[in-house]
Amino acid sequence: MMISTSYDVSGMTCGHCELSVQEELAELGGVLQVRADHVTGKVTVTSAEPLDVTAVAAAVEEAGYALT
């Protein structure tokens, strides 16, 4: 089973921002794919199981951004 969840992330302004967020989120257990779009501020995470939003927020903050 795969679950796709979208999050709003503030502060991303370029492709490098997208990569930073994608790399941090990819390290979470169960994450299969991450797509970030700095234009829309959306990050879509595909995972094998539901993710803890606290862990997602912490990973986004580690990259230097914030869930909104």
C-alpha atoms as a PDB file:
ATOM      1  CA  MET A   1       0.000   0.000   0.000  1.00  0.00           C
ATOM      2  CA  MET A   2       1.258   3.456  -0.863  1.00  0.00           C
ATOM      3  CA  ILE A   3       0.053   6.684   0.710  1.00  0.00           C
ATOM      4  CA  SER A   4       0.509  10.081  -0.921  1.00  0.00           C
ATOM      5  CA  THR A   5       0.255  13.130   1.339  1.00  0.00           C
ATOM      6  CA  SER A   6       0.687  16.791   0.411  1.00  0.00           C
ATOM      7  CA  TYR A   7       2.034  19.440   2.751  1.00  0.00           C
ATOM      8  CA  ASP A   8       2.363  23.217   2.471  1.00  0.00           C
ATOM      9  CA  VAL A   9       5.917  24.428   3.118  1.00  0.00           C
ATOM     10  CA  SER A  10       6.881  28.081   3.491  1.00  0.00           C
ATOM     11  CA  GLY A  11      10.215  29.605   2.552  1.00  0.00           C
ATOM     12  CA  MET A  12      11.176  27.608  -0.538  1.00  0.00           C
ATOM     13  CA  THR A  13      12.311  30.004  -3.291  1.00  0.00           C
ATOM     14  CA  CYS A  14      14.340  27.894  -5.743  1.00  0.00           C
ATOM     15  CA  GLY A  15      15.338  24.449  -6.939  1.00  0.00           C
ATOM     16  CA  HIS A  16      18.023  24.191  -4.254  1.00  0.00           C
ATOM     17  CA  CYS A  17      15.329  24.743  -1.628  1.00  0.00           C
ATOM     18  CA  GLU A  18      13.310  21.906  -3.140  1.00  0.00           C
ATOM     19  CA  LEU A  19      16.311  19.571  -3.024  1.00  0.00           C
ATOM     20  CA  SER A  20      17.037  20.402   0.621  1.00  0.00           C
ATOM     21  CA  VAL A  21      13.473  19.581   1.654  1.00  0.00           C
ATOM     22  CA  GLN A  22      13.371  16.441  -0.507  1.00  0.00           C
ATOM     23  CA  GLU A  23      16.646  15.131   0.938  1.00  0.00           C
ATOM     24  CA  GLU A  24      15.538  15.601   4.558  1.00  0.00           C
ATOM     25  CA  LEU A  25      12.120  14.031   4.014  1.00  0.00           C
ATOM     26  CA  ALA A  26      13.613  11.110   2.068  1.00  0.00           C
ATOM     27  CA  GLU A  27      15.481  10.102   5.232  1.00  0.00           C
ATOM     28  CA  LEU A  28      12.248   9.408   7.128  1.00  0.00           C
ATOM     29  CA  GLY A  29      11.414   5.747   7.506  1.00  0.00           C
ATOM     30  CA  GLY A  30       8.904   4.423   4.980  1.00  0.00           C
ATOM     31  CA  VAL A  31       9.284   7.328   2.532  1.00  0.00           C
ATOM     32  CA  LEU A  32       9.350   6.127  -1.077  1.00  0.00           C
ATOM     33  CA  GLN A  33       9.286   9.410  -3.013  1.00  0.00           C
ATOM     34  CA  VAL A  34       9.290  13.153  -2.330  1.00  0.00           C
ATOM     35  CA  ARG A  35       8.401  15.922  -4.769  1.00  0.00           C
ATOM     36  CA  ALA A  36       8.721  19.559  -3.767  1.00  0.00           C
ATOM     37  CA  ASP A  37       7.589  22.559  -5.806  1.00  0.00           C
ATOM     38  CA  HIS A  38       8.860  25.943  -4.658  1.00  0.00           C
ATOM     39  CA  VAL A  39       6.422  27.814  -6.931  1.00  0.00           C
ATOM     40  CA  THR A  40       3.336  26.360  -5.234  1.00  0.00           C
ATOM     41  CA  GLY A  41       4.961  25.671  -1.857  1.00  0.00           C
ATOM     42  CA  LYS A  42       3.643  22.109  -2.024  1.00  0.00           C
ATOM     43  CA  VAL A  43       5.550  18.999  -1.020  1.00  0.00           C
ATOM     44  CA  THR A  44       4.082  15.598  -1.857  1.00  0.00           C
ATOM     45  CA  VAL A  45       5.405  12.613   0.047  1.00  0.00           C
ATOM     46  CA  THR A  46       4.670   9.044  -1.036  1.00  0.00           C
ATOM     47  CA  SER A  47       5.194   6.548   1.764  1.00  0.00           C
ATOM     48  CA  ALA A  48       4.578   2.921   2.592  1.00  0.00           C
ATOM     49  CA  GLU A  49       2.716   3.871   5.765  1.00  0.00           C
ATOM     50  CA  PRO A  50       1.175   6.995   7.317  1.00  0.00           C
ATOM     51  CA  LEU A  51       3.831   9.461   8.477  1.00  0.00           C
ATOM     52  CA  ASP A  52       3.888  11.238  11.815  1.00  0.00           C
ATOM     53  CA  VAL A  53       3.286  14.911  11.003  1.00  0.00           C
ATOM     54  CA  THR A  54       5.647  15.860  13.855  1.00  0.00           C
ATOM     55  CA  ALA A  55       8.470  13.939  12.148  1.00  0.00           C
ATOM     56  CA  VAL A  56       7.611  15.552   8.799  1.00  0.00           C
ATOM     57  CA  ALA A  57       7.651  19.019  10.382  1.00  0.00           C
ATOM     58  CA  ALA A  58      11.002  18.295  12.074  1.00  0.00           C
ATOM     59  CA  ALA A  59      12.559  17.161   8.771  1.00  0.00           C
ATOM     60  CA  VAL A  60      11.274  20.259   6.964  1.00  0.00           C
ATOM     61  CA  GLU A  61      12.634  22.470   9.768  1.00  0.00           C
ATOM     62  CA  GLU A  62      15.997  20.672   9.580  1.00  0.00           C
ATOM     63  CA  ALA A  63      16.143  21.752   5.922  1.00  0.00           C
ATOM     64  CA  GLY A  64      15.489  25.349   7.027  1.00  0.00           C
ATOM     65  CA  TYR A  65      11.791  25.692   6.171  1.00  0.00           C
ATOM     66  CA  ALA A  66       8.434  25.296   7.911  1.00  0.00           C
ATOM     67  CA  LEU A  67       5.164  23.460   7.447  1.00  0.00           C
ATOM     68  CA  THR A  68       2.286  25.917   7.164  1.00  0.00           C
END
